[in-house]
Amino acid sequence: MRDDYIKGALKMVDDPNILVNLVSLRVKQLKRGNRPLVESLEKMSPEDTALREIMEGKISFELATNLEAHGNR
């Protein structure tokens, strides 16, 4: 993974733990055949593609509330 992509993605997602989870989920989707949301003239790894998608605001996330996380008890 390219350091500049990691630094750029961390500007969009402050928490490194959340970033790791986002990249992991997106890499799985890309490896299953989902199309990249960014174009590139060079061949990029799925990890770099996911980081660029996050950097460019093509992928977002929403944190679950306590009720959602614990099943509305």
PDB file of N, CA and C in Angstrom:
ATOM      1  N   MET A   1       0.848  -1.182   0.000  1.00  0.00           N
ATOM      2  CA  MET A   1       0.000   0.000   0.000  1.00  0.00           C
ATOM      3  C   MET A   1       0.889   1.238   0.000  1.00  0.00           C
ATOM      4  N   ARG A   2       0.438   2.214  -0.727  1.00  0.00           N
ATOM      5  CA  ARG A   2       1.217   3.443  -0.827  1.00  0.00           C
ATOM      6  C   ARG A   2       0.954   4.344   0.374  1.00  0.00           C
ATOM      7  N   ASP A   3       2.040   4.874   0.932  1.00  0.00           N
ATOM      8  CA  ASP A   3       1.937   5.735   2.116  1.00  0.00           C
ATOM      9  C   ASP A   3       1.104   6.982   1.852  1.00  0.00           C
ATOM     10  N   ASP A   4       1.230   7.563   0.654  1.00  0.00           N
ATOM     11  CA  ASP A   4       0.469   8.777   0.363  1.00  0.00           C
ATOM     12  C   ASP A   4      -1.029   8.492   0.321  1.00  0.00           C
ATOM     13  N   TYR A   5      -1.420   7.304  -0.130  1.00  0.00           N
ATOM     14  CA  TYR A   5      -2.837   6.938  -0.122  1.00  0.00           C
ATOM     15  C   TYR A   5      -3.341   6.746   1.307  1.00  0.00           C
ATOM     16  N   ILE A   6      -2.516   6.140   2.146  1.00  0.00           N
ATOM     17  CA  ILE A   6      -2.906   5.933   3.547  1.00  0.00           C
ATOM     18  C   ILE A   6      -3.088   7.278   4.236  1.00  0.00           C
ATOM     19  N   LYS A   7      -2.133   8.180   4.054  1.00  0.00           N
ATOM     20  CA  LYS A   7      -2.225   9.509   4.675  1.00  0.00           C
ATOM     21  C   LYS A   7      -3.448  10.265   4.176  1.00  0.00           C
ATOM     22  N   GLY A   8      -3.725  10.180   2.890  1.00  0.00           N
ATOM     23  CA  GLY A   8      -4.896  10.851   2.328  1.00  0.00           C
ATOM     24  C   GLY A   8      -6.196  10.283   2.862  1.00  0.00           C
ATOM     25  N   ALA A   9      -6.264   8.964   2.976  1.00  0.00           N
ATOM     26  CA  ALA A   9      -7.476   8.323   3.488  1.00  0.00           C
ATOM     27  C   ALA A   9      -7.684   8.656   4.961  1.00  0.00           C
ATOM     28  N   LEU A  10      -6.587   8.787   5.715  1.00  0.00           N
ATOM     29  CA  LEU A  10      -6.710   9.139   7.136  1.00  0.00           C
ATOM     30  C   LEU A  10      -7.233  10.563   7.329  1.00  0.00           C
ATOM     31  N   LYS A  11      -7.137  11.399   6.317  1.00  0.00           N
ATOM     32  CA  LYS A  11      -7.726  12.740   6.399  1.00  0.00           C
ATOM     33  C   LYS A  11      -9.247  12.661   6.311  1.00  0.00           C
ATOM     34  N   MET A  12      -9.747  11.633   5.649  1.00  0.00           N
ATOM     35  CA  MET A  12     -11.190  11.447   5.501  1.00  0.00           C
ATOM     36  C   MET A  12     -11.779  10.629   6.654  1.00  0.00           C
ATOM     37  N   VAL A  13     -11.005   9.676   7.160  1.00  0.00           N
ATOM     38  CA  VAL A  13     -11.434   8.786   8.245  1.00  0.00           C
ATOM     39  C   VAL A  13     -10.391   8.923   9.351  1.00  0.00           C
ATOM     40  N   ASP A  14     -10.751   9.620  10.414  1.00  0.00           N
ATOM     41  CA  ASP A  14      -9.782   9.940  11.469  1.00  0.00           C
ATOM     42  C   ASP A  14      -9.257   8.726  12.227  1.00  0.00           C
ATOM     43  N   ASP A  15     -10.085   7.742  12.430  1.00  0.00           N
ATOM     44  CA  ASP A  15      -9.729   6.585  13.256  1.00  0.00           C
ATOM     45  C   ASP A  15      -9.084   5.496  12.390  1.00  0.00           C
ATOM     46  N   PRO A  16      -7.811   5.173  12.639  1.00  0.00           N
ATOM     47  CA  PRO A  16      -7.136   4.141  11.836  1.00  0.00           C
ATOM     48  C   PRO A  16      -7.827   2.781  11.894  1.00  0.00           C
ATOM     49  N   ASN A  17      -8.455   2.456  13.019  1.00  0.00           N
ATOM     50  CA  ASN A  17      -9.155   1.170  13.135  1.00  0.00           C
ATOM     51  C   ASN A  17     -10.345   1.105  12.187  1.00  0.00           C
ATOM     52  N   ILE A  18     -11.080   2.195  12.087  1.00  0.00           N
ATOM     53  CA  ILE A  18     -12.215   2.247  11.164  1.00  0.00           C
ATOM     54  C   ILE A  18     -11.714   2.180   9.726  1.00  0.00           C
ATOM     55  N   LEU A  19     -10.619   2.874   9.447  1.00  0.00           N
ATOM     56  CA  LEU A  19     -10.052   2.851   8.097  1.00  0.00           C
ATOM     57  C   LEU A  19      -9.666   1.432   7.694  1.00  0.00           C
ATOM     58  N   VAL A  20      -9.045   0.699   8.590  1.00  0.00           N
ATOM     59  CA  VAL A  20      -8.658  -0.685   8.293  1.00  0.00           C
ATOM     60  C   VAL A  20      -9.889  -1.515   7.949  1.00  0.00           C
ATOM     61  N   ASN A  21     -10.959  -1.346   8.712  1.00  0.00           N
ATOM     62  CA  ASN A  21     -12.185  -2.104   8.450  1.00  0.00           C
ATOM     63  C   ASN A  21     -12.810  -1.717   7.114  1.00  0.00           C
ATOM     64  N   LEU A  22     -12.841  -0.418   6.807  1.00  0.00           N
ATOM     65  CA  LEU A  22     -13.396   0.033   5.529  1.00  0.00           C
ATOM     66  C   LEU A  22     -12.606  -0.532   4.357  1.00  0.00           C
ATOM     67  N   VAL A  23     -11.290  -0.436   4.444  1.00  0.00           N
ATOM     68  CA  VAL A  23     -10.440  -0.937   3.360  1.00  0.00           C
ATOM     69  C   VAL A  23     -10.626  -2.443   3.208  1.00  0.00           C
ATOM     70  N   SER A  24     -10.669  -3.154   4.310  1.00  0.00           N
ATOM     71  CA  SER A  24     -10.830  -4.604   4.275  1.00  0.00           C
ATOM     72  C   SER A  24     -12.136  -5.007   3.589  1.00  0.00           C
ATOM     73  N   LEU A  25     -13.227  -4.358   3.969  1.00  0.00           N
ATOM     74  CA  LEU A  25     -14.523  -4.671   3.358  1.00  0.00           C
ATOM     75  C   LEU A  25     -14.532  -4.351   1.868  1.00  0.00           C
ATOM     76  N   ARG A  26     -13.957  -3.217   1.507  1.00  0.00           N
ATOM     77  CA  ARG A  26     -13.953  -2.822   0.097  1.00  0.00           C
ATOM     78  C   ARG A  26     -13.046  -3.730  -0.732  1.00  0.00           C
ATOM     79  N   VAL A  27     -11.916  -4.153  -0.184  1.00  0.00           N
ATOM     80  CA  VAL A  27     -11.017  -5.067  -0.896  1.00  0.00           C
ATOM     81  C   VAL A  27     -11.744  -6.380  -1.189  1.00  0.00           C
ATOM     82  N   LYS A  28     -12.508  -6.879  -0.227  1.00  0.00           N
ATOM     83  CA  LYS A  28     -13.279  -8.107  -0.451  1.00  0.00           C
ATOM     84  C   LYS A  28     -14.252  -7.917  -1.605  1.00  0.00           C
ATOM     85  N   GLN A  29     -14.924  -6.764  -1.648  1.00  0.00           N
ATOM     86  CA  GLN A  29     -15.865  -6.486  -2.734  1.00  0.00           C
ATOM     87  C   GLN A  29     -15.149  -6.430  -4.082  1.00  0.00           C
ATOM     88  N   LEU A  30     -14.010  -5.761  -4.120  1.00  0.00           N
ATOM     89  CA  LEU A  30     -13.255  -5.645  -5.372  1.00  0.00           C
ATOM     90  C   LEU A  30     -12.763  -7.007  -5.852  1.00  0.00           C
ATOM     91  N   LYS A  31     -12.322  -7.838  -4.930  1.00  0.00           N
ATOM     92  CA  LYS A  31     -11.829  -9.167  -5.305  1.00  0.00           C
ATOM     93  C   LYS A  31     -12.950 -10.075  -5.788  1.00  0.00           C
ATOM     94  N   ARG A  32     -14.189  -9.787  -5.350  1.00  0.00           N
ATOM     95  CA  ARG A  32     -15.352 -10.554  -5.811  1.00  0.00           C
ATOM     96  C   ARG A  32     -15.846 -10.074  -7.171  1.00  0.00           C
ATOM     97  N   GLY A  33     -15.240  -9.003  -7.677  1.00  0.00           N
ATOM     98  CA  GLY A  33     -15.612  -8.546  -9.017  1.00  0.00           C
ATOM     99  C   GLY A  33     -16.303  -7.201  -9.093  1.00  0.00           C
ATOM    100  N   ASN A  34     -16.546  -6.555  -7.957  1.00  0.00           N
ATOM    101  CA  ASN A  34     -17.146  -5.220  -8.011  1.00  0.00           C
ATOM    102  C   ASN A  34     -16.205  -4.266  -8.733  1.00  0.00           C
ATOM    103  N   ARG A  35     -16.770  -3.339  -9.472  1.00  0.00           N
ATOM    104  CA  ARG A  35     -15.959  -2.394 -10.231  1.00  0.00           C
ATOM    105  C   ARG A  35     -15.420  -1.288  -9.337  1.00  0.00           C
ATOM    106  N   PRO A  36     -14.195  -0.853  -9.621  1.00  0.00           N
ATOM    107  CA  PRO A  36     -13.634   0.283  -8.872  1.00  0.00           C
ATOM    108  C   PRO A  36     -14.434   1.556  -9.130  1.00  0.00           C
ATOM    109  N   LEU A  37     -14.498   2.419  -8.138  1.00  0.00           N
ATOM    110  CA  LEU A  37     -15.205   3.691  -8.253  1.00  0.00           C
ATOM    111  C   LEU A  37     -14.278   4.815  -8.701  1.00  0.00           C
ATOM    112  N   VAL A  38     -13.006   4.503  -8.896  1.00  0.00           N
ATOM    113  CA  VAL A  38     -12.022   5.479  -9.377  1.00  0.00           C
ATOM    114  C   VAL A  38     -11.323   4.895 -10.602  1.00  0.00           C
ATOM    115  N   GLU A  39     -10.896   5.788 -11.476  1.00  0.00           N
ATOM    116  CA  GLU A  39     -10.157   5.358 -12.660  1.00  0.00           C
ATOM    117  C   GLU A  39      -8.674   5.584 -12.431  1.00  0.00           C
ATOM    118  N   SER A  40      -7.870   4.746 -13.049  1.00  0.00           N
ATOM    119  CA  SER A  40      -6.425   4.878 -12.918  1.00  0.00           C
ATOM    120  C   SER A  40      -5.764   4.413 -14.207  1.00  0.00           C
ATOM    121  N   LEU A  41      -4.726   5.120 -14.600  1.00  0.00           N
ATOM    122  CA  LEU A  41      -3.966   4.719 -15.782  1.00  0.00           C
ATOM    123  C   LEU A  41      -3.007   3.581 -15.463  1.00  0.00           C
ATOM    124  N   GLU A  42      -2.676   3.439 -14.195  1.00  0.00           N
ATOM    125  CA  GLU A  42      -1.766   2.376 -13.771  1.00  0.00           C
ATOM    126  C   GLU A  42      -2.554   1.253 -13.110  1.00  0.00           C
ATOM    127  N   LYS A  43      -1.979   0.070 -13.108  1.00  0.00           N
ATOM    128  CA  LYS A  43      -2.597  -1.071 -12.429  1.00  0.00           C
ATOM    129  C   LYS A  43      -2.381  -0.910 -10.927  1.00  0.00           C
ATOM    130  N   MET A  44      -3.472  -0.854 -10.166  1.00  0.00           N
ATOM    131  CA  MET A  44      -3.372  -0.680  -8.710  1.00  0.00           C
ATOM    132  C   MET A  44      -3.852  -1.942  -8.014  1.00  0.00           C
ATOM    133  N   SER A  45      -3.311  -2.174  -6.835  1.00  0.00           N
ATOM    134  CA  SER A  45      -3.774  -3.287  -6.009  1.00  0.00           C
ATOM    135  C   SER A  45      -5.172  -2.949  -5.493  1.00  0.00           C
ATOM    136  N   PRO A  46      -5.944  -3.957  -5.098  1.00  0.00           N
ATOM    137  CA  PRO A  46      -7.267  -3.676  -4.527  1.00  0.00           C
ATOM    138  C   PRO A  46      -7.180  -2.773  -3.289  1.00  0.00           C
ATOM    139  N   GLU A  47      -6.110  -2.925  -2.510  1.00  0.00           N
ATOM    140  CA  GLU A  47      -5.938  -2.100  -1.310  1.00  0.00           C
ATOM    141  C   GLU A  47      -5.744  -0.633  -1.681  1.00  0.00           C
ATOM    142  N   ASP A  48      -4.897  -0.374  -2.678  1.00  0.00           N
ATOM    143  CA  ASP A  48      -4.682   1.005  -3.118  1.00  0.00           C
ATOM    144  C   ASP A  48      -5.943   1.590  -3.744  1.00  0.00           C
ATOM    145  N   THR A  49      -6.666   0.770  -4.486  1.00  0.00           N
ATOM    146  CA  THR A  49      -7.926   1.226  -5.078  1.00  0.00           C
ATOM    147  C   THR A  49      -8.901   1.641  -3.983  1.00  0.00           C
ATOM    148  N   ALA A  50      -9.039   0.814  -2.951  1.00  0.00           N
ATOM    149  CA  ALA A  50      -9.947   1.130  -1.844  1.00  0.00           C
ATOM    150  C   ALA A  50      -9.528   2.418  -1.144  1.00  0.00           C
ATOM    151  N   LEU A  51      -8.234   2.585  -0.910  1.00  0.00           N
ATOM    152  CA  LEU A  51      -7.748   3.808  -0.260  1.00  0.00           C
ATOM    153  C   LEU A  51      -8.031   5.037  -1.120  1.00  0.00           C
ATOM    154  N   ARG A  52      -7.824   4.931  -2.428  1.00  0.00           N
ATOM    155  CA  ARG A  52      -8.116   6.065  -3.319  1.00  0.00           C
ATOM    156  C   ARG A  52      -9.604   6.386  -3.330  1.00  0.00           C
ATOM    157  N   GLU A  53     -10.444   5.373  -3.307  1.00  0.00           N
ATOM    158  CA  GLU A  53     -11.889   5.595  -3.271  1.00  0.00           C
ATOM    159  C   GLU A  53     -12.277   6.360  -2.008  1.00  0.00           C
ATOM    160  N   ILE A  54     -11.671   6.013  -0.897  1.00  0.00           N
ATOM    161  CA  ILE A  54     -11.945   6.705   0.369  1.00  0.00           C
ATOM    162  C   ILE A  54     -11.416   8.128   0.304  1.00  0.00           C
ATOM    163  N   MET A  55     -10.187   8.305  -0.193  1.00  0.00           N
ATOM    164  CA  MET A  55      -9.576   9.637  -0.316  1.00  0.00           C
ATOM    165  C   MET A  55     -10.435  10.580  -1.147  1.00  0.00           C
ATOM    166  N   GLU A  56     -11.008  10.055  -2.224  1.00  0.00           N
ATOM    167  CA  GLU A  56     -11.783  10.874  -3.149  1.00  0.00           C
ATOM    168  C   GLU A  56     -13.248  11.000  -2.742  1.00  0.00           C
ATOM    169  N   GLY A  57     -13.603  10.462  -1.582  1.00  0.00           N
ATOM    170  CA  GLY A  57     -14.969  10.601  -1.083  1.00  0.00           C
ATOM    171  C   GLY A  57     -15.985   9.728  -1.793  1.00  0.00           C
ATOM    172  N   LYS A  58     -15.534   8.699  -2.471  1.00  0.00           N
ATOM    173  CA  LYS A  58     -16.443   7.790  -3.185  1.00  0.00           C
ATOM    174  C   LYS A  58     -17.063   6.764  -2.246  1.00  0.00           C
ATOM    175  N   ILE A  59     -16.431   6.568  -1.087  1.00  0.00           N
ATOM    176  CA  ILE A  59     -16.925   5.620  -0.088  1.00  0.00           C
ATOM    177  C   ILE A  59     -17.063   6.365   1.230  1.00  0.00           C
ATOM    178  N   SER A  60     -18.192   6.167   1.880  1.00  0.00           N
ATOM    179  CA  SER A  60     -18.398   6.786   3.191  1.00  0.00           C
ATOM    180  C   SER A  60     -18.832   5.698   4.171  1.00  0.00           C
ATOM    181  N   PHE A  61     -18.967   6.081   5.417  1.00  0.00           N
ATOM    182  CA  PHE A  61     -19.386   5.123   6.434  1.00  0.00           C
ATOM    183  C   PHE A  61     -20.246   5.844   7.456  1.00  0.00           C
ATOM    184  N   GLU A  62     -20.970   5.051   8.213  1.00  0.00           N
ATOM    185  CA  GLU A  62     -21.823   5.579   9.274  1.00  0.00           C
ATOM    186  C   GLU A  62     -21.652   4.675  10.487  1.00  0.00           C
ATOM    187  N   LEU A  63     -21.358   5.267  11.627  1.00  0.00           N
ATOM    188  CA  LEU A  63     -21.208   4.481  12.849  1.00  0.00           C
ATOM    189  C   LEU A  63     -22.572   4.094  13.390  1.00  0.00           C
ATOM    190  N   ALA A  64     -22.679   2.880  13.887  1.00  0.00           N
ATOM    191  CA  ALA A  64     -23.921   2.412  14.482  1.00  0.00           C
ATOM    192  C   ALA A  64     -24.128   3.090  15.830  1.00  0.00           C
ATOM    193  N   THR A  65     -25.389   3.361  16.167  1.00  0.00           N
ATOM    194  CA  THR A  65     -25.688   3.893  17.490  1.00  0.00           C
ATOM    195  C   THR A  65     -25.651   2.741  18.488  1.00  0.00           C
ATOM    196  N   ASN A  66     -25.668   3.052  19.767  1.00  0.00           N
ATOM    197  CA  ASN A  66     -25.660   2.010  20.797  1.00  0.00           C
ATOM    198  C   ASN A  66     -26.831   1.051  20.635  1.00  0.00           C
ATOM    199  N   LEU A  67     -28.019   1.574  20.326  1.00  0.00           N
ATOM    200  CA  LEU A  67     -29.189   0.712  20.172  1.00  0.00           C
ATOM    201  C   LEU A  67     -29.016  -0.239  18.999  1.00  0.00           C
ATOM    202  N   GLU A  68     -28.502   0.260  17.878  1.00  0.00           N
ATOM    203  CA  GLU A  68     -28.292  -0.598  16.714  1.00  0.00           C
ATOM    204  C   GLU A  68     -27.234  -1.653  16.998  1.00  0.00           C
ATOM    205  N   ALA A  69     -26.189  -1.269  17.686  1.00  0.00           N
ATOM    206  CA  ALA A  69     -25.086  -2.189  17.962  1.00  0.00           C
ATOM    207  C   ALA A  69     -25.503  -3.307  18.910  1.00  0.00           C
ATOM    208  N   HIS A  70     -26.457  -3.049  19.792  1.00  0.00           N
ATOM    209  CA  HIS A  70     -26.863  -4.039  20.792  1.00  0.00           C
ATOM    210  C   HIS A  70     -28.245  -4.627  20.528  1.00  0.00           C
ATOM    211  N   GLY A  71     -28.820  -4.371  19.378  1.00  0.00           N
ATOM    212  CA  GLY A  71     -30.061  -5.034  19.003  1.00  0.00           C
ATOM    213  C   GLY A  71     -31.321  -4.506  19.656  1.00  0.00           C
ATOM    214  N   ASN A  72     -31.438  -3.212  19.948  1.00  0.00           N
ATOM    215  CA  ASN A  72     -32.670  -2.605  20.488  1.00  0.00           C
ATOM    216  C   ASN A  72     -33.241  -3.368  21.677  1.00  0.00           C
ATOM    217  N   ARG A  73     -32.490  -3.582  22.691  1.00  0.00           N
ATOM    218  CA  ARG A  73     -32.969  -4.343  23.863  1.00  0.00           C
ATOM    219  C   ARG A  73     -33.906  -3.566  24.707  1.00  0.00           C
TER     220      ARG A  73
END
